[in-house]
N, C-alpha and C. Protein backbone atom coordinates (compact mmCIF):
# COMPACT_ATOMS: atom_id res chain seq x y z
N MET A 1 -2.08 71.29 148.28
CA MET A 1 -0.94 72.17 148.42
C MET A 1 -0.17 72.99 147.16
N SER A 2 -0.13 74.39 147.89
CA SER A 2 0.85 75.31 146.82
C SER A 2 1.56 74.81 146.50
N LEU A 3 2.04 75.31 144.75
CA LEU A 3 3.14 74.97 143.95
C LEU A 3 4.52 75.44 145.04
N ILE A 4 4.12 76.91 145.70
CA ILE A 4 5.68 76.92 146.41
C ILE A 4 5.87 76.27 147.53
N ASN A 5 4.67 75.88 148.49
CA ASN A 5 5.46 75.06 149.13
C ASN A 5 5.24 73.08 149.14
N GLU A 6 4.71 72.63 147.58
CA GLU A 6 5.03 71.82 146.96
C GLU A 6 7.13 71.57 146.31
N TYR A 7 7.29 73.14 146.07
CA TYR A 7 8.35 73.33 146.08
C TYR A 7 9.30 73.52 147.00
N ARG A 8 8.86 74.15 148.10
CA ARG A 8 10.36 73.90 149.00
C ARG A 8 10.16 72.88 149.30
N ALA A 9 8.79 71.93 149.97
CA ALA A 9 9.01 70.40 150.86
C ALA A 9 9.94 69.45 149.50
N THR A 10 10.20 69.73 147.92
CA THR A 10 11.34 68.91 147.42
C THR A 10 12.51 68.64 147.51
N GLU A 11 12.39 70.64 148.30
CA GLU A 11 14.21 71.14 147.71
C GLU A 11 14.49 70.22 149.16
N GLU A 12 13.65 70.03 150.45
CA GLU A 12 14.13 70.04 151.61
C GLU A 12 14.75 68.63 151.45
N ALA A 13 13.67 67.81 151.20
CA ALA A 13 14.00 66.20 150.90
C ALA A 13 15.04 66.72 149.60
N ILE A 14 15.39 67.29 149.26
CA ILE A 14 17.14 66.97 148.40
C ILE A 14 17.22 67.69 149.40
N LYS A 15 18.13 68.33 150.17
CA LYS A 15 18.75 68.19 150.95
C LYS A 15 19.16 66.81 151.56
N GLU A 16 18.17 66.80 152.21
CA GLU A 16 17.59 65.70 153.23
C GLU A 16 19.44 63.93 151.68
N LEU A 17 17.90 63.99 151.04
CA LEU A 17 18.62 62.67 150.44
C LEU A 17 20.22 63.17 150.01
N GLN A 18 20.98 64.64 150.27
CA GLN A 18 21.79 65.47 150.23
C GLN A 18 22.62 64.64 150.76
N ALA A 19 22.47 64.57 152.11
CA ALA A 19 23.47 64.21 153.25
C ALA A 19 23.33 62.98 153.26
N ARG A 20 22.16 62.20 153.09
CA ARG A 20 21.95 61.12 153.47
C ARG A 20 23.51 59.95 152.96
N LEU A 21 23.63 60.60 151.51
CA LEU A 21 24.58 59.95 150.52
C LEU A 21 25.84 61.06 150.85
N ALA A 22 25.76 61.47 150.98
CA ALA A 22 26.99 62.11 151.98
C ALA A 22 27.25 61.02 153.10
N ASN A 23 26.75 61.10 153.26
CA ASN A 23 27.04 60.28 155.19
C ASN A 23 27.28 58.79 154.38
N LEU A 24 26.49 57.90 153.54
CA LEU A 24 26.82 56.27 153.23
C LEU A 24 28.29 56.93 151.87
N SER A 25 28.39 57.75 151.61
CA SER A 25 29.99 57.92 150.32
C SER A 25 31.05 57.89 151.25
N ASN A 26 30.89 57.92 152.61
CA ASN A 26 31.78 58.35 154.00
C ASN A 26 31.96 56.29 154.29
N ASP A 27 30.87 55.81 154.43
CA ASP A 27 30.92 54.59 155.63
C ASP A 27 31.48 53.45 154.57
N ASP A 28 32.94 52.93 155.54
CA ASP A 28 33.91 52.07 154.99
C ASP A 28 32.94 50.47 154.63
N LYS A 29 31.37 51.13 155.35
CA LYS A 29 31.06 49.06 155.04
C LYS A 29 30.50 49.57 153.96
N LEU A 30 29.87 50.43 153.00
CA LEU A 30 29.51 51.14 151.83
C LEU A 30 30.73 50.06 150.42
N LYS A 31 31.87 51.18 151.67
CA LYS A 31 33.03 50.91 150.58
C LYS A 31 33.59 49.14 149.69
N LYS A 32 33.72 48.79 151.22
CA LYS A 32 33.70 47.14 150.65
C LYS A 32 32.88 46.60 149.73
N GLU A 33 31.63 46.60 150.04
CA GLU A 33 30.07 46.04 149.50
C GLU A 33 30.46 46.11 147.42
N LEU A 34 31.40 47.73 147.81
CA LEU A 34 30.79 48.38 145.83
C LEU A 34 32.28 47.86 145.78
N GLU A 35 33.79 47.68 146.43
CA GLU A 35 34.85 47.07 146.20
C GLU A 35 33.68 45.47 145.58
N PHE A 36 33.70 44.65 146.31
CA PHE A 36 33.54 43.83 145.77
C PHE A 36 32.80 42.65 144.83
N GLU A 37 31.26 44.00 144.65
CA GLU A 37 30.25 44.10 143.56
C GLU A 37 31.13 44.03 142.18
N GLY A 38 32.31 45.16 142.03
CA GLY A 38 33.11 45.48 141.05
C GLY A 38 33.40 44.23 140.93
N LYS A 39 34.62 43.68 141.44
CA LYS A 39 35.48 42.91 141.65
C LYS A 39 34.43 41.67 140.86
N LEU A 40 33.69 41.11 141.62
CA LEU A 40 32.78 39.70 141.21
C LEU A 40 31.94 40.52 139.90
N ARG A 41 31.26 41.39 139.59
CA ARG A 41 31.05 41.55 137.89
C ARG A 41 32.60 41.83 137.08
N ASN A 42 33.43 42.19 137.01
CA ASN A 42 34.62 41.42 136.55
C ASN A 42 34.97 40.15 135.69
N LEU A 43 35.43 39.65 137.19
CA LEU A 43 35.72 38.29 137.01
C LEU A 43 34.33 37.48 136.18
N MET A 44 32.70 37.87 136.45
CA MET A 44 31.83 36.95 136.14
C MET A 44 32.76 37.70 134.55
N GLY A 45 32.40 38.96 134.11
CA GLY A 45 32.77 39.38 132.95
C GLY A 45 34.05 38.72 132.00
N GLU A 46 34.78 38.22 133.17
CA GLU A 46 35.91 37.44 132.62
C GLU A 46 35.30 36.47 131.80
N TYR A 47 34.91 35.77 133.14
CA TYR A 47 34.12 34.00 132.47
C TYR A 47 32.84 33.92 131.43
N GLN A 48 32.81 34.62 131.34
CA GLN A 48 31.50 35.42 130.89
C GLN A 48 30.16 34.45 131.48
N LYS A 49 30.13 34.54 132.30
CA LYS A 49 28.70 34.09 133.35
C LYS A 49 27.94 34.82 133.59
N SER A 50 26.60 34.86 133.58
CA SER A 50 25.38 35.56 134.44
C SER A 50 24.92 35.68 136.26
N LEU A 51 24.15 36.44 136.07
CA LEU A 51 24.17 36.49 137.88
C LEU A 51 22.90 34.69 137.58
N ARG A 52 22.18 33.85 136.83
CA ARG A 52 21.86 33.16 137.43
C ARG A 52 23.15 31.87 137.31
N ASP A 53 23.42 32.37 136.57
CA ASP A 53 24.47 30.87 136.63
C ASP A 53 25.30 31.48 138.27
N ILE A 54 25.89 31.77 138.52
CA ILE A 54 26.50 32.66 139.99
C ILE A 54 25.48 31.79 140.73
N ILE A 55 24.21 31.56 140.67
CA ILE A 55 23.14 31.12 141.77
C ILE A 55 22.89 30.17 141.81
N ALA A 56 23.07 29.37 140.28
CA ALA A 56 22.61 28.03 139.96
C ALA A 56 24.28 27.51 140.36
N LEU A 57 24.76 27.67 140.01
CA LEU A 57 26.75 27.40 140.76
C LEU A 57 26.73 27.65 142.70
N LEU A 58 26.42 28.02 143.05
CA LEU A 58 25.49 28.27 144.16
C LEU A 58 24.91 27.37 145.87
N ASP A 59 23.83 27.22 144.64
CA ASP A 59 22.51 27.27 145.28
C ASP A 59 21.56 26.45 143.92
N PRO A 60 22.09 25.15 143.78
CA PRO A 60 20.99 24.51 142.66
C PRO A 60 20.16 23.76 143.05
N GLU A 61 19.89 24.04 144.51
CA GLU A 61 18.31 23.67 144.54
C GLU A 61 16.96 24.92 144.09
N SER A 62 18.35 26.36 144.12
CA SER A 62 17.22 26.81 144.16
C SER A 62 15.76 27.63 143.20
N LYS A 63 15.88 27.10 141.84
CA LYS A 63 15.30 26.97 140.70
C LYS A 63 14.71 25.65 140.46
N SER A 64 15.22 24.38 140.62
CA SER A 64 15.27 23.33 140.18
C SER A 64 13.76 22.96 139.98
N GLY A 65 12.47 23.17 140.52
CA GLY A 65 11.71 22.89 140.61
C GLY A 65 11.46 22.02 141.74
N LYS A 66 12.50 21.04 141.94
CA LYS A 66 12.72 20.07 142.85
C LYS A 66 12.09 20.52 144.60
N ALA A 67 11.49 19.66 145.22
CA ALA A 67 10.84 20.48 146.41
C ALA A 67 12.91 20.18 147.81
N PRO A 68 13.06 21.30 148.34
CA PRO A 68 14.60 20.83 148.89
C PRO A 68 14.66 20.06 150.02
N ARG A 69 15.52 19.96 150.15
CA ARG A 69 15.62 18.57 151.10
C ARG A 69 14.91 18.42 152.66
N GLY A 70 14.05 17.76 152.88
CA GLY A 70 13.65 17.73 154.10
C GLY A 70 12.38 18.17 153.91
N ALA A 71 11.85 18.48 153.18
CA ALA A 71 10.98 20.16 152.79
C ALA A 71 9.31 18.61 153.23
N VAL A 72 8.71 19.20 154.19
CA VAL A 72 7.06 18.06 153.61
C VAL A 72 6.17 18.96 152.97
N LYS A 73 5.54 18.03 152.25
CA LYS A 73 4.39 18.40 151.30
C LYS A 73 3.11 18.32 151.89
N THR A 74 2.81 19.26 151.70
CA THR A 74 1.24 19.48 152.65
C THR A 74 0.23 19.61 151.44
N THR A 75 -1.11 19.20 151.57
CA THR A 75 -1.67 18.43 150.83
C THR A 75 -2.59 19.32 150.25
N GLY A 76 -2.30 20.92 150.99
CA GLY A 76 -3.43 21.50 150.51
C GLY A 76 -4.57 22.37 151.23
N THR A 77 -5.21 21.83 152.50
CA THR A 77 -6.48 21.58 152.67
C THR A 77 -6.13 22.57 154.21
N LYS A 78 -7.34 23.08 154.04
CA LYS A 78 -7.21 24.27 155.66
C LYS A 78 -7.32 23.90 156.54
N ARG A 79 -6.40 23.82 158.20
CA ARG A 79 -7.35 23.31 159.02
C ARG A 79 -8.69 23.57 159.45
N ALA A 80 -9.73 23.11 160.04
CA ALA A 80 -10.74 23.42 160.58
C ALA A 80 -10.48 23.99 161.90
N ARG A 81 -11.93 24.80 161.58
CA ARG A 81 -11.98 26.46 162.80
C ARG A 81 -12.34 25.89 163.75
N LYS A 82 -11.92 26.58 165.51
CA LYS A 82 -12.42 25.95 166.32
C LYS A 82 -13.47 26.46 166.50
N VAL A 83 -14.83 25.57 167.37
CA VAL A 83 -15.72 26.02 167.42
C VAL A 83 -15.70 27.38 169.26
N LYS A 84 -16.47 27.88 168.72
CA LYS A 84 -16.53 29.32 169.91
C LYS A 84 -17.62 29.46 170.51
N GLN A 85 -17.54 29.25 171.91
CA GLN A 85 -18.98 30.01 172.28
C GLN A 85 -19.32 31.67 173.17
N TYR A 86 -19.88 32.08 172.35
CA TYR A 86 -20.15 33.09 172.95
C TYR A 86 -21.85 33.52 174.55
N LYS A 87 -21.61 33.96 175.05
CA LYS A 87 -22.72 33.93 176.26
C LYS A 87 -23.03 35.47 176.46
N ASN A 88 -24.41 36.13 176.23
CA ASN A 88 -24.38 37.15 176.27
C ASN A 88 -24.88 37.60 177.22
N PRO A 89 -24.03 39.24 178.21
CA PRO A 89 -24.26 38.79 179.69
C PRO A 89 -25.57 39.99 180.04
N HIS A 90 -26.19 40.19 179.01
CA HIS A 90 -27.25 40.76 179.00
C HIS A 90 -28.43 40.32 179.11
N ASN A 91 -28.45 39.58 178.76
CA ASN A 91 -29.84 38.49 178.43
C ASN A 91 -29.82 36.87 177.79
N GLY A 92 -28.28 36.68 178.98
CA GLY A 92 -27.87 35.22 178.97
C GLY A 92 -27.75 34.50 177.77
N GLU A 93 -28.38 34.55 176.54
CA GLU A 93 -28.12 34.11 175.32
C GLU A 93 -26.97 33.28 174.94
N VAL A 94 -27.06 32.29 174.73
CA VAL A 94 -25.47 31.67 174.29
C VAL A 94 -25.35 31.21 172.22
N ILE A 95 -25.08 31.23 171.88
CA ILE A 95 -25.07 31.09 170.45
C ILE A 95 -22.80 30.51 170.50
N GLU A 96 -23.37 29.22 169.06
CA GLU A 96 -22.28 28.45 168.72
C GLU A 96 -21.41 28.92 167.53
N THR A 97 -20.23 29.48 167.32
CA THR A 97 -20.54 29.09 165.52
C THR A 97 -18.16 29.38 165.30
N LYS A 98 -18.29 29.21 164.90
CA LYS A 98 -16.81 29.04 164.22
C LYS A 98 -16.59 30.06 163.01
N GLY A 99 -17.23 30.92 162.76
CA GLY A 99 -16.91 31.63 162.06
C GLY A 99 -17.95 32.89 162.47
N GLY A 100 -17.11 34.43 162.34
CA GLY A 100 -18.13 35.32 162.80
C GLY A 100 -19.17 35.86 161.66
N ASN A 101 -19.76 34.84 160.74
CA ASN A 101 -20.17 35.20 159.76
C ASN A 101 -21.95 35.11 160.59
N HIS A 102 -21.70 35.30 161.60
CA HIS A 102 -23.32 34.83 161.92
C HIS A 102 -24.16 35.42 162.28
N LYS A 103 -25.31 35.64 162.66
CA LYS A 103 -26.29 36.89 162.44
C LYS A 103 -26.70 37.17 163.56
N THR A 104 -27.11 37.15 164.74
CA THR A 104 -27.10 37.45 166.00
C THR A 104 -25.67 37.84 166.23
N LEU A 105 -24.44 37.37 165.85
CA LEU A 105 -23.36 38.25 166.20
C LEU A 105 -22.58 39.23 165.79
N LYS A 106 -23.62 39.34 164.39
CA LYS A 106 -23.19 40.17 164.19
C LYS A 106 -23.76 41.47 164.69
N GLU A 107 -25.06 41.01 164.42
CA GLU A 107 -26.02 41.94 165.65
C GLU A 107 -25.48 42.37 167.39
N TRP A 108 -25.04 41.38 167.64
CA TRP A 108 -23.90 41.83 168.87
C TRP A 108 -22.84 43.06 168.70
N LYS A 109 -22.39 42.71 168.12
CA LYS A 109 -20.72 43.10 167.68
C LYS A 109 -21.12 44.86 166.92
N ALA A 110 -22.18 45.54 166.36
CA ALA A 110 -23.10 46.08 166.35
C ALA A 110 -23.58 46.98 167.32
N LYS A 111 -24.41 46.50 167.76
CA LYS A 111 -24.19 46.60 169.66
C LYS A 111 -24.02 47.04 170.52
N TRP A 112 -22.44 46.36 170.50
CA TRP A 112 -21.97 47.14 171.69
C TRP A 112 -20.51 46.64 171.32
N GLY A 113 -20.13 46.15 170.24
CA GLY A 113 -18.45 46.68 169.87
C GLY A 113 -18.00 44.93 169.27
N GLY A 114 -17.66 44.94 168.58
CA GLY A 114 -16.17 44.00 168.11
C GLY A 114 -15.36 43.14 169.84
N ASP A 115 -14.46 44.20 170.17
CA ASP A 115 -13.56 43.97 171.11
C ASP A 115 -14.37 43.23 172.49
N VAL A 116 -15.79 44.03 172.57
CA VAL A 116 -16.42 43.67 173.70
C VAL A 116 -17.17 42.23 173.53
N VAL A 117 -18.02 41.98 172.28
CA VAL A 117 -18.29 40.68 172.23
C VAL A 117 -17.30 39.27 171.91
N GLU A 118 -15.66 39.36 171.71
CA GLU A 118 -15.49 39.04 171.60
C GLU A 118 -14.26 39.31 172.57
N GLY A 119 -14.88 39.58 173.93
CA GLY A 119 -13.98 39.23 175.70
C GLY A 119 -15.70 38.33 176.22
N TRP A 120 -16.92 38.23 175.48
CA TRP A 120 -17.14 37.51 175.53
C TRP A 120 -17.13 35.59 175.15
N ALA A 121 -16.32 35.28 174.60
CA ALA A 121 -16.25 34.06 173.93
C ALA A 121 -15.63 33.43 174.68
N THR A 122 -15.71 31.30 174.04
CA THR A 122 -14.82 30.65 175.25
C THR A 122 -14.51 30.07 174.12
N LEU A 123 -13.18 29.59 173.89
CA LEU A 123 -13.48 28.28 172.63
C LEU A 123 -14.17 27.02 172.84
N LEU A 124 -14.33 26.30 172.35
CA LEU A 124 -14.94 24.81 172.94
C LEU A 124 -13.84 23.92 172.29
N GLY A 125 -13.96 24.33 171.20
CA GLY A 125 -12.68 23.01 170.77
C GLY A 125 -11.97 23.08 169.13
């Protein structure tokens, strides 16, 4: 991109951002949120509390290292993959595999395309 094109694109982006900023500054919801944030920060300063103190007060289990109540602990094992059976309609050859790292399956996908070959699959279990 030439320097003048980059300049014009940047200038246009600035104009768009200024228009968005003007729209946002007139938004009542934004004004309320800014007012709330200001009052909260003043209150935090008055009581010498940080944002972490507020979070710990409102949600004591957020960073405590304990699992939340009712949480189920997982063992970290992967679930077993299901066996797929592929039947090539061109030559009647059948292969069974749990993953996509099968030599013949790769050859078929290279020759006829992955979407076509996946259409030949049936789930065994």
